[in-house]
């Protein structure tokens, strides 16, 4: 399925969201009409320009004309935009080698899990780096009801003994279950008909990532959580599953979105108690192992043991933020998430490196070249909590500053270390930000597929800013390695990394010199950025305070080699950032 087909299908689904205001429905219909023209025109223009080493002003104007003629969004005069883009960039401030070293240092602290020593180390490192640039930096504590895993395993115990590489899915329940294993296919309601799973462990094909993110984008319960509900309602004692879109036999940890106070944005049967704790113990195994188990179950009865143990407690993670004054209080905000599932190079070490690069670049320039103030923040709750909470928290706690922000750059998955992979980019329908993003992408040799639909499909932190009428953008590189142990920094080409980072530097510099009109405030239609709006946090019980959990081991590999577990700092340093054979 092409990008256009995926986007059009999603927008079609959004039109059917219950209770959708008629104005939002009309907005979606207008975008559905214009986007095919936009994407086709950009593809046609880019096929003629992509081999050009340095685009001329005329080349950029041809891209601008494609944007304007599509009718996809409001657009400022080209002369205003090109004046902002023609400012020289101080290329010497940043280098590919320095950016790569930042990423290596960060990933040596992976997996970066909120409430653990690794995330605390990361927060201190980011604070230290921002301050080394001369930026006023601080930490914002965010309390949450944490679920921390201490022990997990999955084994076949009969008719033979087999141990499988596995990892607990996000925020799942605890248990030590030895029982029959039952294949329930995709784990949907019909798959449980005529099957007795009470007290047993179910094996489920979880499909692809979009099977879970898709419902979330439509404001429905996250797909994987719905599968937990069905298993729990049918009496299953545990679940083991695999993702059909992971390469080889690697693992995947997804982001269902959990409130700081517990539970998801849409309640389900598997959420129990005051804090909406998930009851069912759930482990992820590799796709190849899952297919092997399905074959075994066709021939004979299989008994398995599933173990997930740990602790639930109030914990704390730190949002790191920094403020760099400009000549005025008008502010450009930039952010990324500093937590990871495993090593997390794409998701989101590259975004953290990009945000640090923006901080260093603009802190290195004289204040006379900074018309606007700059805000930087790093979200440490994103993967293991939810992707909106840091933005909700920062904007809620700093209302005066929030009122001054005229653009937000969300540097989430800005690259995958390869120059030729696609970058799906979404911006607000803003006459300045939308075309500037596309033109900056083109200048840096990136196909300028920038779609002005962020108020309709808001991703992560952008939703909180869209809600206040602050124009947003996010350029995202996605692929099968995201959220798996194969998402490692050694796969990044430093020059491609530099290119993706410098696109954002060029964009931010252009935004320094041009007035960006605010959009009309409004609730995002859908997407993960529309889901979490509550800033409520739990309090520590009387007499208790924050005690970090130990760092989790780092899982790597699984596509071409078995999953390997790195447990010590020495093992991590020997692996992270080193090109693998």
Protein backbone atom coordinates (compact mmCIF):
# COMPACT_ATOMS: atom_id res chain seq x y z
CA UNK A 1 0.00 0.00 0.00
CA UNK A 2 1.38 3.42 -0.97
CA UNK A 3 1.74 6.34 1.43
CA UNK A 4 -1.14 8.10 -0.34
CA UNK A 5 -3.42 5.06 0.03
CA UNK A 6 -2.55 4.75 3.73
CA UNK A 7 -3.21 8.44 4.41
CA UNK A 8 -6.46 8.47 2.44
CA UNK A 9 -7.68 5.36 4.25
CA UNK A 10 -6.87 6.90 7.63
CA UNK A 11 -8.65 10.15 6.80
CA UNK A 12 -11.66 8.20 5.60
CA UNK A 13 -11.78 6.41 8.96
CA UNK A 14 -11.46 9.70 10.83
CA UNK A 15 -14.56 11.05 9.10
CA UNK A 16 -16.50 8.31 10.91
CA UNK A 17 -15.30 9.15 14.44
CA UNK A 18 -18.45 9.39 16.60
CA UNK A 19 -19.42 12.93 17.58
CA UNK A 20 -17.03 14.56 15.12
CA UNK A 21 -17.98 18.24 14.60
CA UNK A 22 -19.18 19.05 11.10
CA UNK A 23 -16.41 21.63 10.67
CA UNK A 24 -13.81 18.91 11.28
CA UNK A 25 -15.54 16.59 8.83
CA UNK A 26 -15.43 19.29 6.18
CA UNK A 27 -11.74 19.93 6.91
CA UNK A 28 -10.98 16.22 6.40
CA UNK A 29 -12.93 16.17 3.13
CA UNK A 30 -11.02 19.17 1.83
CA UNK A 31 -7.68 17.51 2.62
CA UNK A 32 -8.78 14.23 1.04
CA UNK A 33 -9.56 16.13 -2.12
CA UNK A 34 -6.26 18.05 -2.22
CA UNK A 35 -3.68 15.51 -0.96
CA UNK A 36 -3.58 13.29 -4.08
CA UNK A 37 -2.81 16.37 -6.19
CA UNK A 38 -0.14 17.50 -3.71
CA UNK A 39 1.66 14.17 -3.45
CA UNK A 40 1.54 13.48 -7.19
CA UNK A 41 2.85 16.96 -8.02
CA UNK A 42 5.68 16.70 -5.49
CA UNK A 43 6.66 13.25 -6.80
CA UNK A 44 6.69 14.56 -10.37
CA UNK A 45 8.81 17.61 -9.49
CA UNK A 46 11.19 15.62 -7.31
CA UNK A 47 11.85 13.00 -9.99
CA UNK A 48 13.40 15.81 -12.03
CA UNK A 49 15.30 17.45 -9.18
CA UNK A 50 16.52 14.74 -6.80
CA UNK A 51 19.82 14.21 -8.63
CA UNK A 52 20.64 17.95 -8.47
CA UNK A 53 23.47 18.63 -6.06
CA UNK A 54 22.34 22.11 -5.05
CA UNK A 55 18.86 23.35 -5.85
CA UNK A 56 18.58 26.82 -7.37
CA UNK A 57 16.03 29.40 -6.33
CA UNK A 58 14.13 28.49 -9.48
CA UNK A 59 14.08 24.82 -8.44
CA UNK A 60 12.71 25.75 -5.05
CA UNK A 61 10.09 27.96 -6.65
CA UNK A 62 8.90 25.04 -8.78
CA UNK A 63 8.32 23.06 -5.57
CA UNK A 64 6.56 26.04 -4.02
CA UNK A 65 4.29 26.27 -7.07
CA UNK A 66 3.40 22.59 -6.70
CA UNK A 67 2.40 23.23 -3.10
CA UNK A 68 0.37 26.30 -3.99
CA UNK A 69 -1.40 24.74 -6.97
CA UNK A 70 -2.46 21.68 -4.97
CA UNK A 71 -4.80 23.72 -2.78
CA UNK A 72 -3.73 21.53 0.16
CA UNK A 73 -3.14 24.45 2.50
CA UNK A 74 -2.67 28.17 3.02
CA UNK A 75 0.64 29.50 1.71
CA UNK A 76 2.65 32.72 2.12
CA UNK A 77 4.30 34.58 -0.79
CA UNK A 78 7.43 32.89 -2.13
CA UNK A 79 9.49 36.07 -1.75
CA UNK A 80 8.90 36.08 2.02
CA UNK A 81 9.88 32.45 2.37
CA UNK A 82 12.98 32.54 0.19
CA UNK A 83 14.33 35.59 2.05
CA UNK A 84 14.24 33.57 5.28
CA UNK A 85 15.78 30.53 3.58
CA UNK A 86 18.63 32.45 1.95
CA UNK A 87 20.36 33.24 5.24
CA UNK A 88 23.80 31.55 5.40
CA UNK A 89 24.23 28.56 7.69
CA UNK A 90 27.33 28.35 9.92
CA UNK A 91 28.19 24.77 8.89
CA UNK A 92 31.32 24.67 11.07
CA UNK A 93 29.38 24.69 14.37
CA UNK A 94 28.28 21.07 14.01
CA UNK A 95 29.94 18.02 12.49
CA UNK A 96 28.80 14.48 11.61
CA UNK A 97 31.38 13.04 14.00
CA UNK A 98 30.19 15.08 16.98
CA UNK A 99 26.54 14.18 16.34
CA UNK A 100 27.44 10.51 16.08
CA UNK A 101 29.37 10.65 19.35
CA UNK A 102 26.38 12.16 21.16
CA UNK A 103 24.24 9.29 19.92
CA UNK A 104 26.80 6.71 20.99
CA UNK A 105 26.96 8.17 24.50
CA UNK A 106 23.17 8.18 24.78
CA UNK A 107 22.75 4.61 23.57
CA UNK A 108 25.37 3.34 25.99
CA UNK A 109 22.80 4.28 28.64
CA UNK A 110 20.02 2.29 26.93
CA UNK A 111 17.44 1.00 27.43
CA UNK A 112 16.38 4.36 28.81
CA UNK A 113 13.35 3.50 30.95
CA UNK A 114 11.63 6.10 33.19
CA UNK A 115 12.08 5.42 36.88
CA UNK A 116 15.36 3.53 36.39
CA UNK A 117 19.00 4.47 36.92
CA UNK A 118 19.57 4.59 33.15
CA UNK A 119 16.94 7.29 32.65
CA UNK A 120 18.28 9.25 35.62
CA UNK A 121 21.78 9.07 34.12
CA UNK A 122 20.39 10.26 30.78
CA UNK A 123 18.61 13.22 32.39
CA UNK A 124 21.78 14.32 34.16
CA UNK A 125 23.76 13.97 30.91
CA UNK A 126 21.28 16.08 28.93
CA UNK A 127 21.22 18.72 31.66
CA UNK A 128 25.02 18.85 31.66
CA UNK A 129 25.24 19.14 27.86
CA UNK A 130 22.66 21.95 27.67
CA UNK A 131 24.48 23.86 30.42
CA UNK A 132 27.80 23.36 28.64
CA UNK A 133 26.30 25.35 25.74
CA UNK A 134 25.52 28.19 28.15
CA UNK A 135 21.79 27.45 28.19
CA UNK A 136 19.66 27.83 31.32
CA UNK A 137 18.51 24.24 31.91
CA UNK A 138 16.41 22.50 34.54
CA UNK A 139 14.45 19.34 35.32
CA UNK A 140 10.67 18.98 35.57
CA UNK A 141 9.64 15.98 37.74
CA UNK A 142 6.79 13.83 36.49
CA UNK A 143 5.33 11.24 38.91
CA UNK A 144 3.65 8.10 37.62
CA UNK A 145 2.33 4.73 38.73
CA UNK A 146 5.18 2.59 37.46
CA UNK A 147 5.29 -1.08 36.46
CA UNK A 148 8.84 -2.43 36.70
CA UNK A 149 9.83 -5.93 35.58
CA UNK A 150 12.34 -7.96 37.60
CA UNK A 151 11.99 -11.41 36.05
CA UNK A 152 10.51 -12.79 32.84
CA UNK A 153 10.79 -16.04 30.88
CA UNK A 154 8.89 -18.25 28.47
CA UNK A 155 9.56 -21.97 28.12
CA UNK A 156 7.95 -25.04 26.62
CA UNK A 157 7.97 -27.67 29.37
CA UNK A 158 6.19 -30.55 27.59
CA UNK A 159 6.51 -32.66 25.44
CA UNK A 160 10.07 -31.23 25.27
CA UNK A 161 11.94 -28.38 26.93
CA UNK A 162 12.60 -25.24 24.88
CA UNK A 163 13.54 -21.75 26.09
CA UNK A 164 12.58 -18.68 24.05
CA UNK A 165 13.97 -15.15 23.92
CA UNK A 166 11.20 -12.91 25.19
CA UNK A 167 10.38 -9.54 26.73
CA UNK A 168 7.33 -8.24 28.66
CA UNK A 169 5.04 -5.90 26.80
CA UNK A 170 4.48 -2.43 28.22
CA UNK A 171 2.82 -2.20 31.68
CA UNK A 172 1.43 -5.77 31.61
CA UNK A 173 0.37 -7.85 34.61
CA UNK A 174 2.46 -10.23 36.71
CA UNK A 175 2.15 -13.99 37.03
CA UNK A 176 3.86 -17.38 37.06
CA UNK A 177 1.69 -19.67 34.91
CA UNK A 178 2.29 -23.26 33.83
CA UNK A 179 -0.53 -24.38 31.56
CA UNK A 180 -1.55 -25.67 28.16
CA UNK A 181 -0.70 -23.39 25.24
CA UNK A 182 -3.59 -22.64 22.88
CA UNK A 183 -3.24 -21.03 19.43
CA UNK A 184 -5.98 -18.43 19.00
CA UNK A 185 -4.78 -17.01 15.67
CA UNK A 186 -5.12 -13.23 15.59
CA UNK A 187 -6.80 -13.26 19.01
CA UNK A 188 -10.02 -11.59 17.87
CA UNK A 189 -13.46 -12.40 19.27
CA UNK A 190 -14.25 -15.00 16.60
CA UNK A 191 -10.93 -16.78 17.27
CA UNK A 192 -12.13 -17.77 20.75
CA UNK A 193 -15.29 -19.49 19.54
CA UNK A 194 -15.35 -23.21 20.39
CA UNK A 195 -12.00 -22.91 22.22
CA UNK A 196 -11.44 -23.52 25.91
CA UNK A 197 -8.72 -21.14 27.07
CA UNK A 198 -9.73 -20.81 30.72
CA UNK A 199 -6.60 -20.99 32.89
CA UNK A 200 -4.42 -21.49 29.80
CA UNK A 201 -1.79 -19.49 27.93
CA UNK A 202 -2.88 -18.15 24.55
CA UNK A 203 -0.55 -17.78 21.56
CA UNK A 204 -1.49 -14.80 19.38
CA UNK A 205 -0.32 -13.43 16.04
CA UNK A 206 -0.40 -9.70 16.81
CA UNK A 207 -0.11 -8.68 13.16
CA UNK A 208 1.73 -5.49 12.27
CA UNK A 209 2.34 -2.26 14.16
CA UNK A 210 -0.42 -0.43 12.31
CA UNK A 211 -2.99 -2.99 13.53
CA UNK A 212 -2.45 -1.39 16.94
CA UNK A 213 -1.58 2.21 16.08
CA UNK A 214 -4.47 2.47 13.59
CA UNK A 215 -7.32 2.18 16.13
CA UNK A 216 -5.39 4.55 18.41
CA UNK A 217 -5.32 7.13 15.60
CA UNK A 218 -9.14 6.88 15.46
CA UNK A 219 -9.47 7.52 19.22
CA UNK A 220 -10.29 3.85 19.86
CA UNK A 221 -8.66 1.47 22.33
CA UNK A 222 -5.11 0.57 21.37
CA UNK A 223 -5.20 -2.63 19.32
CA UNK A 224 -2.94 -4.73 21.54
CA UNK A 225 -4.84 -3.72 24.67
CA UNK A 226 -8.08 -4.83 23.03
CA UNK A 227 -6.50 -8.26 22.46
CA UNK A 228 -5.59 -8.40 26.15
CA UNK A 229 -9.23 -7.63 26.99
CA UNK A 230 -10.52 -10.49 24.85
CA UNK A 231 -8.06 -13.00 26.31
CA UNK A 232 -8.86 -11.87 29.85
CA UNK A 233 -12.63 -12.00 29.24
CA UNK A 234 -12.31 -15.56 27.95
CA UNK A 235 -10.46 -16.67 31.07
CA UNK A 236 -6.90 -16.94 29.75
CA UNK A 237 -4.20 -16.92 32.43
CA UNK A 238 -1.47 -15.46 30.23
CA UNK A 239 -0.57 -14.48 26.69
CA UNK A 240 2.47 -14.87 24.47
CA UNK A 241 2.48 -13.14 21.10
CA UNK A 242 4.57 -12.09 18.14
CA UNK A 243 4.46 -9.31 15.56
CA UNK A 244 4.21 -10.39 11.94
CA UNK A 245 6.13 -7.33 10.70
CA UNK A 246 9.33 -7.76 12.71
CA UNK A 247 12.41 -8.88 10.76
CA UNK A 248 13.79 -12.35 11.45
CA UNK A 249 13.27 -13.46 15.03
CA UNK A 250 13.66 -10.13 16.79
CA UNK A 251 11.29 -8.70 19.40
CA UNK A 252 9.13 -5.58 19.55
CA UNK A 253 7.84 -3.44 22.43
CA UNK A 254 4.96 -1.16 21.48
CA UNK A 255 3.63 2.07 23.01
CA UNK A 256 -0.05 1.64 23.97
CA UNK A 257 -0.14 4.90 25.94
CA UNK A 258 -0.59 4.86 29.72
CA UNK A 259 -1.70 7.74 31.97
CA UNK A 260 0.61 8.73 34.85
CA UNK A 261 -2.20 7.70 37.20
CA UNK A 262 -2.57 4.33 35.42
CA UNK A 263 -4.63 2.85 32.62
CA UNK A 264 -5.06 3.76 28.99
CA UNK A 265 -7.05 6.57 27.40
CA UNK A 266 -9.89 4.13 26.60
CA UNK A 267 -10.80 1.73 29.42
CA UNK A 268 -10.83 -2.05 28.85
CA UNK A 269 -11.70 -5.21 30.76
CA UNK A 270 -8.06 -6.10 31.46
CA UNK A 271 -7.63 -2.92 33.57
CA UNK A 272 -8.29 -3.72 37.22
CA UNK A 273 -8.48 -1.64 40.41
CA UNK A 274 -8.21 2.00 41.32
CA UNK A 275 -5.04 2.51 39.26
CA UNK A 276 -6.33 0.52 36.27
CA UNK A 277 -3.54 -2.05 36.49
CA UNK A 278 -3.33 -4.53 33.65
CA UNK A 279 -4.08 -8.01 34.96
CA UNK A 280 -2.88 -10.34 32.19
CA UNK A 281 0.84 -11.30 32.10
CA UNK A 282 2.01 -10.90 28.48
CA UNK A 283 5.31 -11.72 26.78
CA UNK A 284 6.54 -10.97 23.27
CA UNK A 285 8.54 -13.59 21.36
CA UNK A 286 10.10 -13.48 17.90
CA UNK A 287 8.06 -14.09 14.75
CA UNK A 288 10.03 -17.19 13.77
CA UNK A 289 9.56 -18.66 17.25
CA UNK A 290 5.86 -17.89 17.06
CA UNK A 291 5.51 -19.69 13.74
CA UNK A 292 7.44 -22.67 15.16
CA UNK A 293 5.00 -22.87 18.07
CA UNK A 294 1.99 -22.70 15.74
CA UNK A 295 3.38 -25.65 13.79
CA UNK A 296 4.01 -27.64 17.00
CA UNK A 297 0.45 -27.02 18.17
CA UNK A 298 -0.98 -28.41 14.94
CA UNK A 299 0.64 -31.76 15.70
CA UNK A 300 0.45 -32.18 19.48
CA UNK A 301 -0.51 -30.72 22.84
CA UNK A 302 2.05 -28.29 24.28
CA UNK A 303 2.45 -27.14 27.85
CA UNK A 304 4.33 -23.92 28.63
CA UNK A 305 5.50 -21.82 31.53
CA UNK A 306 5.17 -18.03 31.38
CA UNK A 307 6.75 -15.85 34.08
CA UNK A 308 6.45 -12.08 34.53
CA UNK A 309 7.34 -10.73 37.96
CA UNK A 310 8.14 -7.25 39.20
CA UNK A 311 6.83 -4.38 41.28
CA UNK A 312 4.21 -1.66 40.96
CA UNK A 313 4.93 1.61 42.73
CA UNK A 314 4.80 5.38 42.43
CA UNK A 315 7.92 6.57 40.66
CA UNK A 316 9.37 9.72 39.10
CA UNK A 317 11.00 10.63 35.82
CA UNK A 318 12.53 13.94 34.79
CA UNK A 319 11.65 16.10 31.80
CA UNK A 320 14.83 18.03 30.95
CA UNK A 321 14.23 21.53 29.58
CA UNK A 322 16.33 24.50 28.56
CA UNK A 323 15.67 28.11 27.57
CA UNK A 324 17.89 30.22 25.31
CA UNK A 325 16.86 33.91 25.30
CA UNK A 326 16.52 35.84 22.06
CA UNK A 327 16.01 39.53 21.40
CA UNK A 328 12.27 39.01 21.87
CA UNK A 329 10.10 36.72 23.98
CA UNK A 330 8.54 35.11 20.88
CA UNK A 331 9.68 31.51 21.14
CA UNK A 332 10.45 28.51 18.95
CA UNK A 333 10.00 25.21 20.85
CA UNK A 334 11.92 22.05 19.95
CA UNK A 335 11.67 18.62 21.53
CA UNK A 336 12.28 14.89 21.31
CA UNK A 337 11.80 11.86 23.56
CA UNK A 338 14.78 10.63 25.50
CA UNK A 339 13.36 7.24 26.59
CA UNK A 340 13.63 4.07 24.49
CA UNK A 341 12.22 0.56 24.15
CA UNK A 342 15.60 -1.13 23.57
CA UNK A 343 18.67 0.74 22.25
CA UNK A 344 16.32 3.05 20.37
CA UNK A 345 18.49 4.69 17.72
CA UNK A 346 15.60 5.71 15.46
CA UNK A 347 13.15 5.89 18.36
CA UNK A 348 14.46 8.36 19.48
CA UNK A 349 18.20 8.85 19.97
CA UNK A 350 18.33 10.60 16.59
CA UNK A 351 15.71 13.11 17.75
CA UNK A 352 17.60 13.82 20.97
CA UNK A 353 20.80 14.36 18.98
CA UNK A 354 18.91 16.70 16.64
CA UNK A 355 17.51 18.73 19.54
CA UNK A 356 20.95 18.97 21.16
CA UNK A 357 22.32 20.12 17.80
CA UNK A 358 19.73 22.90 17.59
CA UNK A 359 20.63 23.94 21.13
CA UNK A 360 24.36 24.06 20.39
CA UNK A 361 23.94 25.80 17.05
CA UNK A 362 21.79 28.67 18.30
CA UNK A 363 23.67 29.02 21.59
CA UNK A 364 26.83 29.48 19.49
CA UNK A 365 25.36 32.39 17.54
CA UNK A 366 25.41 35.96 18.89
CA UNK A 367 22.13 37.10 20.40
CA UNK A 368 21.81 39.63 17.60
CA UNK A 369 21.17 36.69 15.26
CA UNK A 370 18.51 35.24 17.57
CA UNK A 371 15.38 37.30 17.14
CA UNK A 372 13.38 34.65 18.99
CA UNK A 373 13.88 32.77 22.25
CA UNK A 374 14.27 29.00 22.00
CA UNK A 375 12.81 26.32 24.27
CA UNK A 376 14.21 22.79 24.27
CA UNK A 377 12.72 19.82 26.10
CA UNK A 378 13.29 16.07 26.33
CA UNK A 379 10.37 13.74 27.07
CA UNK A 380 11.35 10.78 29.28
CA UNK A 381 7.83 9.29 29.60
CA UNK A 382 7.00 8.71 25.94
CA UNK A 383 7.62 4.99 25.29
CA UNK A 384 6.74 3.54 28.68
CA UNK A 385 4.01 6.05 29.54
CA UNK A 386 2.39 8.12 26.82
CA UNK A 387 3.66 10.35 24.05
CA UNK A 388 1.70 13.48 25.05
CA UNK A 389 2.45 13.81 28.76
CA UNK A 390 5.68 15.81 28.66
CA UNK A 391 4.19 18.41 26.33
CA UNK A 392 0.99 18.58 28.41
CA UNK A 393 3.11 19.06 31.54
CA UNK A 394 5.47 21.71 30.14
CA UNK A 395 2.65 23.79 28.65
CA UNK A 396 0.55 23.50 31.82
CA UNK A 397 3.39 24.52 34.13
CA UNK A 398 4.68 27.37 31.95
CA UNK A 399 1.57 29.15 30.69
CA UNK A 400 3.28 32.50 30.16
CA UNK A 401 6.01 30.88 28.07
CA UNK A 402 3.45 28.79 26.16
CA UNK A 403 1.62 31.93 25.12
CA UNK A 404 4.83 33.16 23.40
CA UNK A 405 5.49 30.04 21.30
CA UNK A 406 4.89 30.58 17.59
CA UNK A 407 6.20 27.24 16.24
CA UNK A 408 6.96 23.76 17.54
CA UNK A 409 9.47 21.38 15.96
CA UNK A 410 8.95 17.79 17.15
CA UNK A 411 12.12 15.86 16.30
CA UNK A 412 10.73 12.35 16.63
CA UNK A 413 12.35 9.68 14.39
CA UNK A 414 13.81 12.41 12.14
CA UNK A 415 16.03 9.87 10.40
CA UNK A 416 17.00 6.22 10.20
CA UNK A 417 20.62 6.80 9.27
CA UNK A 418 19.99 6.22 5.54
CA UNK A 419 19.82 9.03 3.02
CA UNK A 420 17.30 7.52 0.62
CA UNK A 421 14.52 6.27 2.91
CA UNK A 422 11.25 8.25 2.95
CA UNK A 423 10.49 10.88 5.61
CA UNK A 424 6.76 11.19 6.24
CA UNK A 425 6.27 14.79 7.31
CA UNK A 426 3.23 16.48 8.78
CA UNK A 427 2.77 20.13 9.53
CA UNK A 428 0.00 22.44 10.59
CA UNK A 429 -2.00 24.08 7.84
CA UNK A 430 0.01 27.24 8.33
CA UNK A 431 0.97 29.60 5.49
CA UNK A 432 4.56 29.97 6.73
CA UNK A 433 5.51 26.74 8.46
CA UNK A 434 4.10 24.29 5.90
CA UNK A 435 5.95 25.63 2.82
CA UNK A 436 9.11 26.37 4.80
CA UNK A 437 9.31 22.75 5.94
CA UNK A 438 8.91 21.47 2.38
CA UNK A 439 11.50 23.89 0.98
CA UNK A 440 14.01 23.10 3.75
CA UNK A 441 13.60 19.38 3.08
CA UNK A 442 14.22 19.92 -0.63
CA UNK A 443 17.31 22.09 0.02
CA UNK A 444 18.83 19.23 2.01
CA UNK A 445 18.04 16.58 -0.61
CA UNK A 446 15.00 15.09 1.14
CA UNK A 447 11.87 14.45 -0.91
CA UNK A 448 9.58 17.26 0.32
CA UNK A 449 6.50 15.22 1.19
CA UNK A 450 5.11 17.68 3.74
CA UNK A 451 1.37 17.35 4.37
CA UNK A 452 -0.50 20.14 6.21
CA UNK A 453 -2.74 17.80 8.22
CA UNK A 454 -1.38 18.02 11.78
CA UNK A 455 -4.69 19.32 13.16
CA UNK A 456 -6.38 16.21 11.74
CA UNK A 457 -3.70 13.61 12.46
CA UNK A 458 -1.66 14.87 15.42
CA UNK A 459 1.39 12.84 16.32
CA UNK A 460 2.64 12.66 19.90
CA UNK A 461 3.62 16.00 21.44
CA UNK A 462 2.28 18.00 18.48
CA UNK A 463 -1.31 17.50 19.68
CA UNK A 464 -0.82 19.56 22.83
CA UNK A 465 0.55 22.45 20.77
CA UNK A 466 -2.09 22.14 18.04
CA UNK A 467 -4.75 22.38 20.75
CA UNK A 468 -3.42 25.87 21.61
CA UNK A 469 -3.13 27.02 18.00
CA UNK A 470 0.68 26.71 17.92
CA UNK A 471 1.87 25.61 14.44
CA UNK A 472 3.75 22.28 14.50
CA UNK A 473 5.87 20.06 12.30
CA UNK A 474 7.35 16.59 12.54
CA UNK A 475 9.48 14.72 9.97
CA UNK A 476 9.47 10.99 10.66
CA UNK A 477 11.47 8.08 9.28
CA UNK A 478 9.81 4.79 10.17
CA UNK A 479 10.54 1.17 9.33
CA UNK A 480 10.42 -2.40 10.56
CA UNK A 481 13.34 -1.89 12.99
CA UNK A 482 11.59 0.75 15.11
CA UNK A 483 10.86 -0.46 18.68
CA UNK A 484 12.94 -3.63 18.17
CA UNK A 485 16.38 -4.71 19.44
CA UNK A 486 17.64 -4.19 15.87
CA UNK A 487 17.16 -0.42 16.16
CA UNK A 488 20.83 0.28 16.87
CA UNK A 489 23.09 3.30 16.40
CA UNK A 490 25.75 1.45 14.40
CA UNK A 491 23.31 1.36 11.46
CA UNK A 492 23.43 5.16 11.17
CA UNK A 493 25.56 6.81 8.52
CA UNK A 494 27.00 9.99 10.11
CA UNK A 495 26.59 12.00 6.91
CA UNK A 496 22.90 11.07 6.56
CA UNK A 497 22.45 11.91 10.25
CA UNK A 498 24.06 15.30 9.69
CA UNK A 499 21.85 15.99 6.67
CA UNK A 500 18.63 15.27 8.62
CA UNK A 501 19.75 17.36 11.59
CA UNK A 502 20.85 20.30 9.44
CA UNK A 503 17.45 20.38 7.75
CA UNK A 504 15.98 21.24 11.15
CA UNK A 505 18.75 23.78 11.84
CA UNK A 506 17.99 25.49 8.54
CA UNK A 507 14.27 25.47 9.31
CA UNK A 508 14.75 26.92 12.78
CA UNK A 509 17.03 29.64 11.43
CA UNK A 510 14.43 30.61 8.82
CA UNK A 511 11.76 30.72 11.53
CA UNK A 512 13.95 33.13 13.50
CA UNK A 513 13.52 35.78 10.83
CA UNK A 514 9.90 35.43 9.74
CA UNK A 515 6.60 36.02 11.49
CA UNK A 516 4.64 32.80 11.94
CA UNK A 517 0.91 33.44 12.41
CA UNK A 518 -0.81 31.40 15.08
CA UNK A 519 -3.49 28.97 13.99
CA UNK A 520 -7.00 28.85 15.39
CA UNK A 521 -6.88 26.75 18.61
CA UNK A 522 -8.78 23.51 18.29
CA UNK A 523 -9.00 19.93 19.42
CA UNK A 524 -7.05 17.55 17.14
CA UNK A 525 -9.31 15.14 15.27
CA UNK A 526 -7.25 12.03 15.88
CA UNK A 527 -3.80 10.51 16.17
CA UNK A 528 -1.89 9.69 19.34
CA UNK A 529 -1.39 13.42 19.98
CA UNK A 530 -5.13 13.81 20.52
CA UNK A 531 -5.45 11.22 23.27
CA UNK A 532 -3.95 12.41 26.55
CA UNK A 533 -4.80 15.81 27.99
CA UNK A 534 -4.84 15.33 31.78
CA UNK A 535 -1.85 16.58 33.78
CA UNK A 536 -2.85 14.65 36.95
CA UNK A 537 -0.08 12.70 38.66
CA UNK A 538 -0.04 10.32 41.63
CA UNK A 539 1.48 11.30 44.96
CA UNK A 540 3.87 9.18 46.99
CA UNK A 541 2.34 7.37 49.95
CA UNK A 542 3.26 8.91 53.31
CA UNK A 543 6.86 8.22 54.25
CA UNK A 544 7.93 7.06 50.77
CA UNK A 545 10.04 8.86 48.18
CA UNK A 546 11.65 8.18 44.83
CA UNK A 547 13.96 5.17 44.67
CA UNK A 548 15.12 4.29 41.14
CA UNK A 549 14.89 0.77 39.80
CA UNK A 550 18.04 -0.87 38.37
CA UNK A 551 18.74 -0.42 34.66
CA UNK A 552 17.21 -3.13 32.45
CA UNK A 553 19.56 -5.31 30.37
CA UNK A 554 19.97 -4.25 26.74
CA UNK A 555 18.54 -6.64 24.14
CA UNK A 556 20.14 -6.43 20.66
CA UNK A 557 19.87 -8.40 17.43
CA UNK A 558 17.36 -10.99 16.33
CA UNK A 559 17.15 -10.40 12.58
CA UNK A 560 20.22 -12.26 11.33
CA UNK A 561 21.68 -13.39 14.66
CA UNK A 562 20.01 -14.60 17.87
CA UNK A 563 18.83 -11.96 20.33
CA UNK A 564 21.74 -11.12 22.63
CA UNK A 565 21.43 -9.66 26.13
CA UNK A 566 24.02 -7.09 27.22
CA UNK A 567 23.99 -6.79 31.00
CA UNK A 568 27.02 -4.70 31.90
CA UNK A 569 28.28 -1.23 31.07
CA UNK A 570 31.41 -2.83 29.56
CA UNK A 571 29.34 -4.99 27.22
CA UNK A 572 27.28 -2.00 26.10
CA UNK A 573 30.33 0.15 25.41
CA UNK A 574 31.88 -2.66 23.37
CA UNK A 575 28.74 -2.86 21.18
CA UNK A 576 27.01 0.51 20.88
CA UNK A 577 28.01 2.57 17.86
CA UNK A 578 30.44 -0.07 16.57
CA UNK A 579 29.70 -1.21 13.02
CA UNK A 580 28.60 -4.84 13.11
CA UNK A 581 29.77 -7.40 10.55
